[in-house]
Amino acid sequence: MSSLRRCTRTACGRPAVSTLTYVYADQTAVLGPLATYAEPHAYDLCQFHGERLSAPRGWDVLRLAHDTEPPPSVDDLLALADLVREAARPQPPAEPPIVEPGRRGHLRIIRDTPE
């Protein structure tokens, strides 16, 4: 999400925090969190205009909850990237276990003795 996106309402220079889309088939206006990128048929709204949104008569307004969790910090993202790199690093081949002759795992070979 870019902080450079502004409210699409005329003469409003506030930063956008919500994206408005219309579902014409259901006669619904959907106001949700700011989309990751601007689309031609979606409208970015500031908090002021998002709270005061009204829909045409007979239409419903669906307000989706915004994430209350702050975005991850740069340190969190770097720590995550380090973990991914560590997991992707090739592991040295494991040495095969030492097996005693005549023995396989928990089983032993018992040879027949001549009578």
PDB file of N, CA and C in Angstrom:
ATOM      1  N   MET A   1       0.822  -1.158   0.000  1.00  0.00           N
ATOM      2  CA  MET A   1       0.000   0.000   0.000  1.00  0.00           C
ATOM      3  C   MET A   1       0.881   1.241   0.000  1.00  0.00           C
ATOM      4  N   SER A   2       0.577   2.111  -0.841  1.00  0.00           N
ATOM      5  CA  SER A   2       1.377   3.322  -0.971  1.00  0.00           C
ATOM      6  C   SER A   2       0.702   4.467  -0.233  1.00  0.00           C
ATOM      7  N   SER A   3       1.483   5.244   0.526  1.00  0.00           N
ATOM      8  CA  SER A   3       0.917   6.379   1.231  1.00  0.00           C
ATOM      9  C   SER A   3       0.722   7.562   0.284  1.00  0.00           C
ATOM     10  N   LEU A   4       1.151   7.430  -0.977  1.00  0.00           N
ATOM     11  CA  LEU A   4       1.021   8.506  -1.952  1.00  0.00           C
ATOM     12  C   LEU A   4      -0.371   8.564  -2.578  1.00  0.00           C
ATOM     13  N   ARG A   5      -1.175   7.517  -2.400  1.00  0.00           N
ATOM     14  CA  ARG A   5      -2.513   7.533  -2.991  1.00  0.00           C
ATOM     15  C   ARG A   5      -3.413   8.451  -2.194  1.00  0.00           C
ATOM     16  N   ARG A   6      -4.160   9.260  -2.909  1.00  0.00           N
ATOM     17  CA  ARG A   6      -5.034  10.268  -2.299  1.00  0.00           C
ATOM     18  C   ARG A   6      -6.488   9.882  -2.510  1.00  0.00           C
ATOM     19  N   CYS A   7      -7.339  10.494  -1.726  1.00  0.00           N
ATOM     20  CA  CYS A   7      -8.784  10.305  -1.851  1.00  0.00           C
ATOM     21  C   CYS A   7      -9.212  10.743  -3.253  1.00  0.00           C
ATOM     22  N   THR A   8     -10.107   9.980  -3.873  1.00  0.00           N
ATOM     23  CA  THR A   8     -10.528  10.299  -5.237  1.00  0.00           C
ATOM     24  C   THR A   8     -11.672  11.309  -5.284  1.00  0.00           C
ATOM     25  N   ARG A   9     -12.178  11.730  -4.128  1.00  0.00           N
ATOM     26  CA  ARG A   9     -13.223  12.748  -4.120  1.00  0.00           C
ATOM     27  C   ARG A   9     -12.634  14.072  -4.587  1.00  0.00           C
ATOM     28  N   THR A  10     -13.409  14.840  -5.333  1.00  0.00           N
ATOM     29  CA  THR A  10     -12.969  16.105  -5.893  1.00  0.00           C
ATOM     30  C   THR A  10     -12.510  17.058  -4.794  1.00  0.00           C
ATOM     31  N   ALA A  11     -11.367  17.661  -4.997  1.00  0.00           N
ATOM     32  CA  ALA A  11     -10.782  18.671  -4.107  1.00  0.00           C
ATOM     33  C   ALA A  11     -10.383  18.137  -2.740  1.00  0.00           C
ATOM     34  N   CYS A  12     -10.299  16.837  -2.573  1.00  0.00           N
ATOM     35  CA  CYS A  12      -9.856  16.262  -1.306  1.00  0.00           C
ATOM     36  C   CYS A  12      -8.419  15.798  -1.483  1.00  0.00           C
ATOM     37  N   GLY A  13      -7.541  16.256  -0.638  1.00  0.00           N
ATOM     38  CA  GLY A  13      -6.129  15.890  -0.744  1.00  0.00           C
ATOM     39  C   GLY A  13      -5.681  14.965   0.362  1.00  0.00           C
ATOM     40  N   ARG A  14      -6.630  14.438   1.145  1.00  0.00           N
ATOM     41  CA  ARG A  14      -6.272  13.546   2.253  1.00  0.00           C
ATOM     42  C   ARG A  14      -5.782  12.204   1.719  1.00  0.00           C
ATOM     43  N   PRO A  15      -4.951  11.498   2.512  1.00  0.00           N
ATOM     44  CA  PRO A  15      -4.491  10.175   2.073  1.00  0.00           C
ATOM     45  C   PRO A  15      -5.628   9.149   2.105  1.00  0.00           C
ATOM     46  N   ALA A  16      -5.626   8.260   1.130  1.00  0.00           N
ATOM     47  CA  ALA A  16      -6.664   7.231   1.043  1.00  0.00           C
ATOM     48  C   ALA A  16      -6.403   6.135   2.066  1.00  0.00           C
ATOM     49  N   VAL A  17      -7.489   5.639   2.695  1.00  0.00           N
ATOM     50  CA  VAL A  17      -7.380   4.541   3.657  1.00  0.00           C
ATOM     51  C   VAL A  17      -8.337   3.400   3.317  1.00  0.00           C
ATOM     52  N   SER A  18      -9.274   3.624   2.405  1.00  0.00           N
ATOM     53  CA  SER A  18     -10.272   2.618   2.036  1.00  0.00           C
ATOM     54  C   SER A  18     -10.454   2.592   0.528  1.00  0.00           C
ATOM     55  N   THR A  19     -10.947   1.468   0.034  1.00  0.00           N
ATOM     56  CA  THR A  19     -11.271   1.346  -1.385  1.00  0.00           C
ATOM     57  C   THR A  19     -12.744   0.998  -1.515  1.00  0.00           C
ATOM     58  N   LEU A  20     -13.434   1.734  -2.358  1.00  0.00           N
ATOM     59  CA  LEU A  20     -14.854   1.533  -2.604  1.00  0.00           C
ATOM     60  C   LEU A  20     -15.033   0.869  -3.967  1.00  0.00           C
ATOM     61  N   THR A  21     -15.800  -0.207  -3.991  1.00  0.00           N
ATOM     62  CA  THR A  21     -16.166  -0.857  -5.256  1.00  0.00           C
ATOM     63  C   THR A  21     -17.674  -1.097  -5.240  1.00  0.00           C
ATOM     64  N   TYR A  22     -18.230  -1.184  -6.420  1.00  0.00           N
ATOM     65  CA  TYR A  22     -19.656  -1.429  -6.556  1.00  0.00           C
ATOM     66  C   TYR A  22     -19.878  -2.801  -7.167  1.00  0.00           C
ATOM     67  N   VAL A  23     -20.828  -3.553  -6.598  1.00  0.00           N
ATOM     68  CA  VAL A  23     -21.261  -4.833  -7.158  1.00  0.00           C
ATOM     69  C   VAL A  23     -22.655  -4.572  -7.711  1.00  0.00           C
ATOM     70  N   TYR A  24     -22.719  -4.254  -8.996  1.00  0.00           N
ATOM     71  CA  TYR A  24     -23.974  -3.832  -9.608  1.00  0.00           C
ATOM     72  C   TYR A  24     -25.023  -4.936  -9.603  1.00  0.00           C
ATOM     73  N   ALA A  25     -24.607  -6.189  -9.784  1.00  0.00           N
ATOM     74  CA  ALA A  25     -25.567  -7.298  -9.824  1.00  0.00           C
ATOM     75  C   ALA A  25     -26.295  -7.451  -8.491  1.00  0.00           C
ATOM     76  N   ASP A  26     -25.609  -7.155  -7.374  1.00  0.00           N
ATOM     77  CA  ASP A  26     -26.219  -7.284  -6.045  1.00  0.00           C
ATOM     78  C   ASP A  26     -26.689  -5.953  -5.476  1.00  0.00           C
ATOM     79  N   GLN A  27     -26.507  -4.883  -6.214  1.00  0.00           N
ATOM     80  CA  GLN A  27     -26.825  -3.535  -5.750  1.00  0.00           C
ATOM     81  C   GLN A  27     -26.186  -3.282  -4.376  1.00  0.00           C
ATOM     82  N   THR A  28     -24.858  -3.472  -4.352  1.00  0.00           N
ATOM     83  CA  THR A  28     -24.104  -3.335  -3.110  1.00  0.00           C
ATOM     84  C   THR A  28     -22.867  -2.483  -3.351  1.00  0.00           C
ATOM     85  N   ALA A  29     -22.606  -1.576  -2.418  1.00  0.00           N
ATOM     86  CA  ALA A  29     -21.363  -0.808  -2.409  1.00  0.00           C
ATOM     87  C   ALA A  29     -20.487  -1.434  -1.327  1.00  0.00           C
ATOM     88  N   VAL A  30     -19.265  -1.803  -1.677  1.00  0.00           N
ATOM     89  CA  VAL A  30     -18.363  -2.470  -0.741  1.00  0.00           C
ATOM     90  C   VAL A  30     -17.220  -1.524  -0.416  1.00  0.00           C
ATOM     91  N   LEU A  31     -17.086  -1.189   0.872  1.00  0.00           N
ATOM     92  CA  LEU A  31     -16.012  -0.333   1.350  1.00  0.00           C
ATOM     93  C   LEU A  31     -15.096  -1.184   2.208  1.00  0.00           C
ATOM     94  N   GLY A  32     -13.873  -1.366   1.736  1.00  0.00           N
ATOM     95  CA  GLY A  32     -12.936  -2.221   2.458  1.00  0.00           C
ATOM     96  C   GLY A  32     -11.590  -1.552   2.617  1.00  0.00           C
ATOM     97  N   PRO A  33     -10.616  -2.298   3.121  1.00  0.00           N
ATOM     98  CA  PRO A  33      -9.269  -1.752   3.280  1.00  0.00           C
ATOM     99  C   PRO A  33      -8.703  -1.299   1.941  1.00  0.00           C
ATOM    100  N   LEU A  34      -7.737  -0.421   1.998  1.00  0.00           N
ATOM    101  CA  LEU A  34      -7.122   0.112   0.786  1.00  0.00           C
ATOM    102  C   LEU A  34      -6.537  -1.021  -0.044  1.00  0.00           C
ATOM    103  N   ALA A  35      -6.918  -1.079  -1.311  1.00  0.00           N
ATOM    104  CA  ALA A  35      -6.414  -2.117  -2.217  1.00  0.00           C
ATOM    105  C   ALA A  35      -4.911  -1.936  -2.424  1.00  0.00           C
ATOM    106  N   THR A  36      -4.236  -3.013  -2.758  1.00  0.00           N
ATOM    107  CA  THR A  36      -2.783  -2.942  -2.920  1.00  0.00           C
ATOM    108  C   THR A  36      -2.380  -2.087  -4.107  1.00  0.00           C
ATOM    109  N   TYR A  37      -3.229  -1.981  -5.106  1.00  0.00           N
ATOM    110  CA  TYR A  37      -2.933  -1.095  -6.228  1.00  0.00           C
ATOM    111  C   TYR A  37      -4.242  -0.495  -6.740  1.00  0.00           C
ATOM    112  N   ALA A  38      -4.135   0.661  -7.351  1.00  0.00           N
ATOM    113  CA  ALA A  38      -5.311   1.371  -7.843  1.00  0.00           C
ATOM    114  C   ALA A  38      -5.878   0.679  -9.073  1.00  0.00           C
ATOM    115  N   GLU A  39      -7.188   0.551  -9.107  1.00  0.00           N
ATOM    116  CA  GLU A  39      -7.874  -0.042 -10.256  1.00  0.00           C
ATOM    117  C   GLU A  39      -8.807   1.003 -10.857  1.00  0.00           C
ATOM    118  N   PRO A  40      -9.091   0.886 -12.157  1.00  0.00           N
ATOM    119  CA  PRO A  40      -9.908   1.912 -12.810  1.00  0.00           C
ATOM    120  C   PRO A  40     -11.350   1.998 -12.292  1.00  0.00           C
ATOM    121  N   HIS A  41     -11.930   0.881 -11.830  1.00  0.00           N
ATOM    122  CA  HIS A  41     -13.330   0.896 -11.416  1.00  0.00           C
ATOM    123  C   HIS A  41     -13.486   0.838  -9.900  1.00  0.00           C
ATOM    124  N   ALA A  42     -12.448   1.225  -9.182  1.00  0.00           N
ATOM    125  CA  ALA A  42     -12.491   1.294  -7.720  1.00  0.00           C
ATOM    126  C   ALA A  42     -12.121   2.712  -7.312  1.00  0.00           C
ATOM    127  N   TYR A  43     -12.632   3.129  -6.175  1.00  0.00           N
ATOM    128  CA  TYR A  43     -12.424   4.501  -5.720  1.00  0.00           C
ATOM    129  C   TYR A  43     -11.738   4.470  -4.357  1.00  0.00           C
ATOM    130  N   ASP A  44     -10.620   5.150  -4.242  1.00  0.00           N
ATOM    131  CA  ASP A  44      -9.902   5.244  -2.983  1.00  0.00           C
ATOM    132  C   ASP A  44     -10.463   6.423  -2.199  1.00  0.00           C
ATOM    133  N   LEU A  45     -10.802   6.185  -0.930  1.00  0.00           N
ATOM    134  CA  LEU A  45     -11.406   7.220  -0.103  1.00  0.00           C
ATOM    135  C   LEU A  45     -10.601   7.437   1.176  1.00  0.00           C
ATOM    136  N   CYS A  46     -10.593   8.671   1.649  1.00  0.00           N
ATOM    137  CA  CYS A  46      -9.966   8.989   2.934  1.00  0.00           C
ATOM    138  C   CYS A  46     -10.918   8.549   4.046  1.00  0.00           C
ATOM    139  N   GLN A  47     -10.473   8.639   5.278  1.00  0.00           N
ATOM    140  CA  GLN A  47     -11.303   8.228   6.400  1.00  0.00           C
ATOM    141  C   GLN A  47     -12.571   9.083   6.500  1.00  0.00           C
ATOM    142  N   PHE A  48     -12.444  10.387   6.283  1.00  0.00           N
ATOM    143  CA  PHE A  48     -13.583  11.303   6.348  1.00  0.00           C
ATOM    144  C   PHE A  48     -14.678  10.893   5.367  1.00  0.00           C
ATOM    145  N   HIS A  49     -14.326  10.703   4.107  1.00  0.00           N
ATOM    146  CA  HIS A  49     -15.324  10.360   3.093  1.00  0.00           C
ATOM    147  C   HIS A  49     -15.804   8.917   3.219  1.00  0.00           C
ATOM    148  N   GLY A  50     -14.942   8.023   3.698  1.00  0.00           N
ATOM    149  CA  GLY A  50     -15.352   6.637   3.896  1.00  0.00           C
ATOM    150  C   GLY A  50     -16.420   6.494   4.976  1.00  0.00           C
ATOM    151  N   GLU A  51     -16.288   7.271   6.057  1.00  0.00           N
ATOM    152  CA  GLU A  51     -17.271   7.213   7.143  1.00  0.00           C
ATOM    153  C   GLU A  51     -18.611   7.806   6.729  1.00  0.00           C
ATOM    154  N   ARG A  52     -18.610   8.746   5.807  1.00  0.00           N
ATOM    155  CA  ARG A  52     -19.831   9.434   5.403  1.00  0.00           C
ATOM    156  C   ARG A  52     -20.432   8.878   4.109  1.00  0.00           C
ATOM    157  N   LEU A  53     -19.951   7.740   3.686  1.00  0.00           N
ATOM    158  CA  LEU A  53     -20.414   7.136   2.432  1.00  0.00           C
ATOM    159  C   LEU A  53     -21.889   6.752   2.516  1.00  0.00           C
ATOM    160  N   SER A  54     -22.628   7.090   1.494  1.00  0.00           N
ATOM    161  CA  SER A  54     -24.012   6.622   1.372  1.00  0.00           C
ATOM    162  C   SER A  54     -24.175   6.039  -0.027  1.00  0.00           C
ATOM    163  N   ALA A  55     -25.099   5.094  -0.144  1.00  0.00           N
ATOM    164  CA  ALA A  55     -25.318   4.417  -1.427  1.00  0.00           C
ATOM    165  C   ALA A  55     -26.655   4.868  -2.010  1.00  0.00           C
ATOM    166  N   PRO A  56     -26.868   4.640  -3.291  1.00  0.00           N
ATOM    167  CA  PRO A  56     -28.159   4.985  -3.906  1.00  0.00           C
ATOM    168  C   PRO A  56     -29.308   4.257  -3.202  1.00  0.00           C
ATOM    169  N   ARG A  57     -30.496   4.803  -3.308  1.00  0.00           N
ATOM    170  CA  ARG A  57     -31.679   4.213  -2.693  1.00  0.00           C
ATOM    171  C   ARG A  57     -31.858   2.774  -3.180  1.00  0.00           C
ATOM    172  N   GLY A  58     -32.083   1.856  -2.242  1.00  0.00           N
ATOM    173  CA  GLY A  58     -32.273   0.453  -2.570  1.00  0.00           C
ATOM    174  C   GLY A  58     -30.965  -0.348  -2.565  1.00  0.00           C
ATOM    175  N   TRP A  59     -29.859   0.317  -2.431  1.00  0.00           N
ATOM    176  CA  TRP A  59     -28.571  -0.348  -2.396  1.00  0.00           C
ATOM    177  C   TRP A  59     -28.136  -0.576  -0.950  1.00  0.00           C
ATOM    178  N   ASP A  60     -27.300  -1.588  -0.756  1.00  0.00           N
ATOM    179  CA  ASP A  60     -26.723  -1.865   0.556  1.00  0.00           C
ATOM    180  C   ASP A  60     -25.274  -1.414   0.567  1.00  0.00           C
ATOM    181  N   VAL A  61     -24.791  -1.028   1.745  1.00  0.00           N
ATOM    182  CA  VAL A  61     -23.381  -0.692   1.922  1.00  0.00           C
ATOM    183  C   VAL A  61     -22.774  -1.763   2.811  1.00  0.00           C
ATOM    184  N   LEU A  62     -21.768  -2.415   2.314  1.00  0.00           N
ATOM    185  CA  LEU A  62     -21.054  -3.447   3.058  1.00  0.00           C
ATOM    186  C   LEU A  62     -19.706  -2.871   3.456  1.00  0.00           C
ATOM    187  N   ARG A  63     -19.474  -2.739   4.762  1.00  0.00           N
ATOM    188  CA  ARG A  63     -18.215  -2.185   5.263  1.00  0.00           C
ATOM    189  C   ARG A  63     -17.376  -3.327   5.821  1.00  0.00           C
ATOM    190  N   LEU A  64     -16.255  -3.580   5.195  1.00  0.00           N
ATOM    191  CA  LEU A  64     -15.343  -4.625   5.650  1.00  0.00           C
ATOM    192  C   LEU A  64     -14.383  -4.045   6.678  1.00  0.00           C
ATOM    193  N   ALA A  65     -14.075  -4.831   7.686  1.00  0.00           N
ATOM    194  CA  ALA A  65     -13.200  -4.356   8.761  1.00  0.00           C
ATOM    195  C   ALA A  65     -11.773  -4.152   8.249  1.00  0.00           C
ATOM    196  N   HIS A  66     -11.165  -3.099   8.747  1.00  0.00           N
ATOM    197  CA  HIS A  66      -9.763  -2.832   8.433  1.00  0.00           C
ATOM    198  C   HIS A  66      -8.889  -3.659   9.363  1.00  0.00           C
ATOM    199  N   ASP A  67      -7.686  -3.958   8.919  1.00  0.00           N
ATOM    200  CA  ASP A  67      -6.728  -4.642   9.778  1.00  0.00           C
ATOM    201  C   ASP A  67      -6.326  -3.692  10.894  1.00  0.00           C
ATOM    202  N   THR A  68      -6.476  -4.137  12.138  1.00  0.00           N
ATOM    203  CA  THR A  68      -6.058  -3.313  13.263  1.00  0.00           C
ATOM    204  C   THR A  68      -4.606  -3.567  13.617  1.00  0.00           C
ATOM    205  N   GLU A  69      -4.039  -4.609  13.036  1.00  0.00           N
ATOM    206  CA  GLU A  69      -2.650  -4.960  13.307  1.00  0.00           C
ATOM    207  C   GLU A  69      -1.736  -4.093  12.448  1.00  0.00           C
ATOM    208  N   PRO A  70      -0.708  -3.489  13.050  1.00  0.00           N
ATOM    209  CA  PRO A  70       0.193  -2.658  12.244  1.00  0.00           C
ATOM    210  C   PRO A  70       1.007  -3.532  11.281  1.00  0.00           C
ATOM    211  N   PRO A  71       1.456  -2.965  10.173  1.00  0.00           N
ATOM    212  CA  PRO A  71       2.254  -3.750   9.233  1.00  0.00           C
ATOM    213  C   PRO A  71       3.573  -4.150   9.883  1.00  0.00           C
ATOM    214  N   PRO A  72       4.190  -5.238   9.412  1.00  0.00           N
ATOM    215  CA  PRO A  72       5.452  -5.677  10.016  1.00  0.00           C
ATOM    216  C   PRO A  72       6.545  -4.638   9.830  1.00  0.00           C
ATOM    217  N   SER A  73       7.434  -4.557  10.821  1.00  0.00           N
ATOM    218  CA  SER A  73       8.535  -3.607  10.745  1.00  0.00           C
ATOM    219  C   SER A  73       9.616  -4.133   9.811  1.00  0.00           C
ATOM    220  N   VAL A  74      10.557  -3.275   9.479  1.00  0.00           N
ATOM    221  CA  VAL A  74      11.672  -3.670   8.610  1.00  0.00           C
ATOM    222  C   VAL A  74      12.471  -4.771   9.283  1.00  0.00           C
ATOM    223  N   ASP A  75      12.653  -4.673  10.605  1.00  0.00           N
ATOM    224  CA  ASP A  75      13.398  -5.713  11.326  1.00  0.00           C
ATOM    225  C   ASP A  75      12.692  -7.060  11.244  1.00  0.00           C
ATOM    226  N   ASP A  76      11.360  -7.067  11.357  1.00  0.00           N
ATOM    227  CA  ASP A  76      10.602  -8.312  11.248  1.00  0.00           C
ATOM    228  C   ASP A  76      10.771  -8.928   9.864  1.00  0.00           C
ATOM    229  N   LEU A  77      10.699  -8.092   8.835  1.00  0.00           N
ATOM    230  CA  LEU A  77      10.835  -8.597   7.468  1.00  0.00           C
ATOM    231  C   LEU A  77      12.234  -9.135   7.210  1.00  0.00           C
ATOM    232  N   LEU A  78      13.257  -8.462   7.740  1.00  0.00           N
ATOM    233  CA  LEU A  78      14.633  -8.949   7.567  1.00  0.00           C
ATOM    234  C   LEU A  78      14.844 -10.266   8.312  1.00  0.00           C
ATOM    235  N   ALA A  79      14.281 -10.395   9.512  1.00  0.00           N
ATOM    236  CA  ALA A  79      14.396 -11.651  10.258  1.00  0.00           C
ATOM    237  C   ALA A  79      13.710 -12.785   9.510  1.00  0.00           C
ATOM    238  N   LEU A  80      12.559 -12.510   8.923  1.00  0.00           N
ATOM    239  CA  LEU A  80      11.854 -13.519   8.145  1.00  0.00           C
ATOM    240  C   LEU A  80      12.656 -13.925   6.912  1.00  0.00           C
ATOM    241  N   ALA A  81      13.250 -12.947   6.237  1.00  0.00           N
ATOM    242  CA  ALA A  81      14.071 -13.248   5.060  1.00  0.00           C
ATOM    243  C   ALA A  81      15.279 -14.096   5.445  1.00  0.00           C
ATOM    244  N   ASP A  82      15.894 -13.810   6.592  1.00  0.00           N
ATOM    245  CA  ASP A  82      17.028 -14.616   7.059  1.00  0.00           C
ATOM    246  C   ASP A  82      16.611 -16.057   7.326  1.00  0.00           C
ATOM    247  N   LEU A  83      15.432 -16.242   7.921  1.00  0.00           N
ATOM    248  CA  LEU A  83      14.938 -17.598   8.179  1.00  0.00           C
ATOM    249  C   LEU A  83      14.686 -18.363   6.886  1.00  0.00           C
ATOM    250  N   VAL A  84      14.133 -17.679   5.901  1.00  0.00           N
ATOM    251  CA  VAL A  84      13.871 -18.331   4.606  1.00  0.00           C
ATOM    252  C   VAL A  84      15.189 -18.718   3.939  1.00  0.00           C
ATOM    253  N   ARG A  85      16.169 -17.815   3.985  1.00  0.00           N
ATOM    254  CA  ARG A  85      17.481 -18.141   3.398  1.00  0.00           C
ATOM    255  C   ARG A  85      18.121 -19.330   4.103  1.00  0.00           C
ATOM    256  N   GLU A  86      18.026 -19.370   5.425  1.00  0.00           N
ATOM    257  CA  GLU A  86      18.606 -20.477   6.194  1.00  0.00           C
ATOM    258  C   GLU A  86      17.938 -21.799   5.830  1.00  0.00           C
ATOM    259  N   ALA A  87      16.617 -21.787   5.684  1.00  0.00           N
ATOM    260  CA  ALA A  87      15.894 -23.012   5.331  1.00  0.00           C
ATOM    261  C   ALA A  87      16.213 -23.462   3.911  1.00  0.00           C
ATOM    262  N   ALA A  88      16.516 -22.520   3.017  1.00  0.00           N
ATOM    263  CA  ALA A  88      16.794 -22.865   1.617  1.00  0.00           C
ATOM    264  C   ALA A  88      18.238 -23.311   1.406  1.00  0.00           C
ATOM    265  N   ARG A  89      19.100 -23.040   2.371  1.00  0.00           N
ATOM    266  CA  ARG A  89      20.506 -23.411   2.245  1.00  0.00           C
ATOM    267  C   ARG A  89      20.631 -24.935   2.194  1.00  0.00           C
ATOM    268  N   PRO A  90      21.442 -25.486   1.261  1.00  0.00           N
ATOM    269  CA  PRO A  90      21.565 -26.945   1.182  1.00  0.00           C
ATOM    270  C   PRO A  90      22.194 -27.504   2.455  1.00  0.00           C
ATOM    271  N   GLN A  91      21.643 -28.587   2.920  1.00  0.00           N
ATOM    272  CA  GLN A  91      22.138 -29.246   4.122  1.00  0.00           C
ATOM    273  C   GLN A  91      23.209 -30.265   3.741  1.00  0.00           C
ATOM    274  N   PRO A  92      24.266 -30.407   4.559  1.00  0.00           N
ATOM    275  CA  PRO A  92      25.278 -31.424   4.252  1.00  0.00           C
ATOM    276  C   PRO A  92      24.643 -32.800   4.355  1.00  0.00           C
ATOM    277  N   PRO A  93      25.097 -33.735   3.513  1.00  0.00           N
ATOM    278  CA  PRO A  93      24.486 -35.068   3.563  1.00  0.00           C
ATOM    279  C   PRO A  93      24.765 -35.728   4.912  1.00  0.00           C
ATOM    280  N   ALA A  94      23.757 -36.386   5.423  1.00  0.00           N
ATOM    281  CA  ALA A  94      23.904 -37.071   6.703  1.00  0.00           C
ATOM    282  C   ALA A  94      24.766 -38.313   6.514  1.00  0.00           C
ATOM    283  N   GLU A  95      25.643 -38.557   7.482  1.00  0.00           N
ATOM    284  CA  GLU A  95      26.489 -39.742   7.401  1.00  0.00           C
ATOM    285  C   GLU A  95      25.647 -40.963   7.708  1.00  0.00           C
ATOM    286  N   PRO A  96      25.887 -42.049   6.965  1.00  0.00           N
ATOM    287  CA  PRO A  96      25.095 -43.256   7.236  1.00  0.00           C
ATOM    288  C   PRO A  96      25.465 -43.815   8.608  1.00  0.00           C
ATOM    289  N   PRO A  97      24.505 -44.393   9.303  1.00  0.00           N
ATOM    290  CA  PRO A  97      24.812 -44.941  10.620  1.00  0.00           C
ATOM    291  C   PRO A  97      25.765 -46.133  10.515  1.00  0.00           C
ATOM    292  N   ILE A  98      26.558 -46.286  11.539  1.00  0.00           N
ATOM    293  CA  ILE A  98      27.503 -47.418  11.580  1.00  0.00           C
ATOM    294  C   ILE A  98      26.710 -48.657  11.960  1.00  0.00           C
ATOM    295  N   VAL A  99      26.821 -49.693  11.135  1.00  0.00           N
ATOM    296  CA  VAL A  99      26.092 -50.935  11.364  1.00  0.00           C
ATOM    297  C   VAL A  99      27.105 -52.032  11.625  1.00  0.00           C
ATOM    298  N   GLU A 100      26.882 -52.768  12.707  1.00  0.00           N
ATOM    299  CA  GLU A 100      27.779 -53.879  13.013  1.00  0.00           C
ATOM    300  C   GLU A 100      27.554 -54.991  12.001  1.00  0.00           C
ATOM    301  N   PRO A 101      28.631 -55.705  11.636  1.00  0.00           N
ATOM    302  CA  PRO A 101      28.446 -56.825  10.710  1.00  0.00           C
ATOM    303  C   PRO A 101      27.517 -57.865  11.327  1.00  0.00           C
ATOM    304  N   GLY A 102      26.638 -58.382  10.531  1.00  0.00           N
ATOM    305  CA  GLY A 102      25.708 -59.405  10.991  1.00  0.00           C
ATOM    306  C   GLY A 102      24.515 -58.821  11.735  1.00  0.00           C
ATOM    307  N   ARG A 103      24.408 -57.548  11.734  1.00  0.00           N
ATOM    308  CA  ARG A 103      23.316 -56.921  12.475  1.00  0.00           C
ATOM    309  C   ARG A 103      22.642 -55.869  11.593  1.00  0.00           C
ATOM    310  N   ARG A 104      21.339 -55.850  11.557  1.00  0.00           N
ATOM    311  CA  ARG A 104      20.591 -54.867  10.775  1.00  0.00           C
ATOM    312  C   ARG A 104      19.561 -54.222  11.682  1.00  0.00           C
ATOM    313  N   GLY A 105      19.815 -52.988  12.043  1.00  0.00           N
ATOM    314  CA  GLY A 105      18.871 -52.284  12.894  1.00  0.00           C
ATOM    315  C   GLY A 105      18.707 -52.997  14.222  1.00  0.00           C
ATOM    316  N   HIS A 106      17.489 -53.291  14.595  1.00  0.00           N
ATOM    317  CA  HIS A 106      17.235 -53.968  15.865  1.00  0.00           C
ATOM    318  C   HIS A 106      17.190 -55.488  15.706  1.00  0.00           C
ATOM    319  N   LEU A 107      17.375 -55.982  14.493  1.00  0.00           N
ATOM    320  CA  LEU A 107      17.357 -57.426  14.243  1.00  0.00           C
ATOM    321  C   LEU A 107      18.778 -57.969  14.170  1.00  0.00           C
ATOM    322  N   ARG A 108      18.960 -59.211  14.593  1.00  0.00           N
ATOM    323  CA  ARG A 108      20.265 -59.858  14.483  1.00  0.00           C
ATOM    324  C   ARG A 108      20.140 -61.095  13.608  1.00  0.00           C
ATOM    325  N   ILE A 109      21.221 -61.412  12.961  1.00  0.00           N
ATOM    326  CA  ILE A 109      21.249 -62.642  12.145  1.00  0.00           C
ATOM    327  C   ILE A 109      21.786 -63.764  13.045  1.00  0.00           C
ATOM    328  N   ILE A 110      21.029 -64.823  13.159  1.00  0.00           N
ATOM    329  CA  ILE A 110      21.458 -65.988  13.919  1.00  0.00           C
ATOM    330  C   ILE A 110      21.695 -67.109  12.923  1.00  0.00           C
ATOM    331  N   ARG A 111      22.921 -67.552  12.895  1.00  0.00           N
ATOM    332  CA  ARG A 111      23.275 -68.581  11.929  1.00  0.00           C
ATOM    333  C   ARG A 111      22.937 -69.966  12.518  1.00  0.00           C
ATOM    334  N   ASP A 112      22.521 -70.848  11.614  1.00  0.00           N
ATOM    335  CA  ASP A 112      22.248 -72.232  12.025  1.00  0.00           C
ATOM    336  C   ASP A 112      23.578 -72.921  12.325  1.00  0.00           C
ATOM    337  N   THR A 113      23.590 -73.681  13.400  1.00  0.00           N
ATOM    338  CA  THR A 113      24.799 -74.451  13.712  1.00  0.00           C
ATOM    339  C   THR A 113      24.590 -75.889  13.272  1.00  0.00           C
ATOM    340  N   PRO A 114      25.631 -76.492  12.699  1.00  0.00           N
ATOM    341  CA  PRO A 114      25.463 -77.900  12.273  1.00  0.00           C
ATOM    342  C   PRO A 114      25.313 -78.815  13.494  1.00  0.00           C
ATOM    343  N   GLU A 115      24.507 -79.812  13.399  1.00  0.00           N
ATOM    344  CA  GLU A 115      24.247 -80.750  14.489  1.00  0.00           C
ATOM    345  C   GLU A 115      25.176 -81.891  14.485  1.00  0.00           C
TER     346      GLU A 115
END
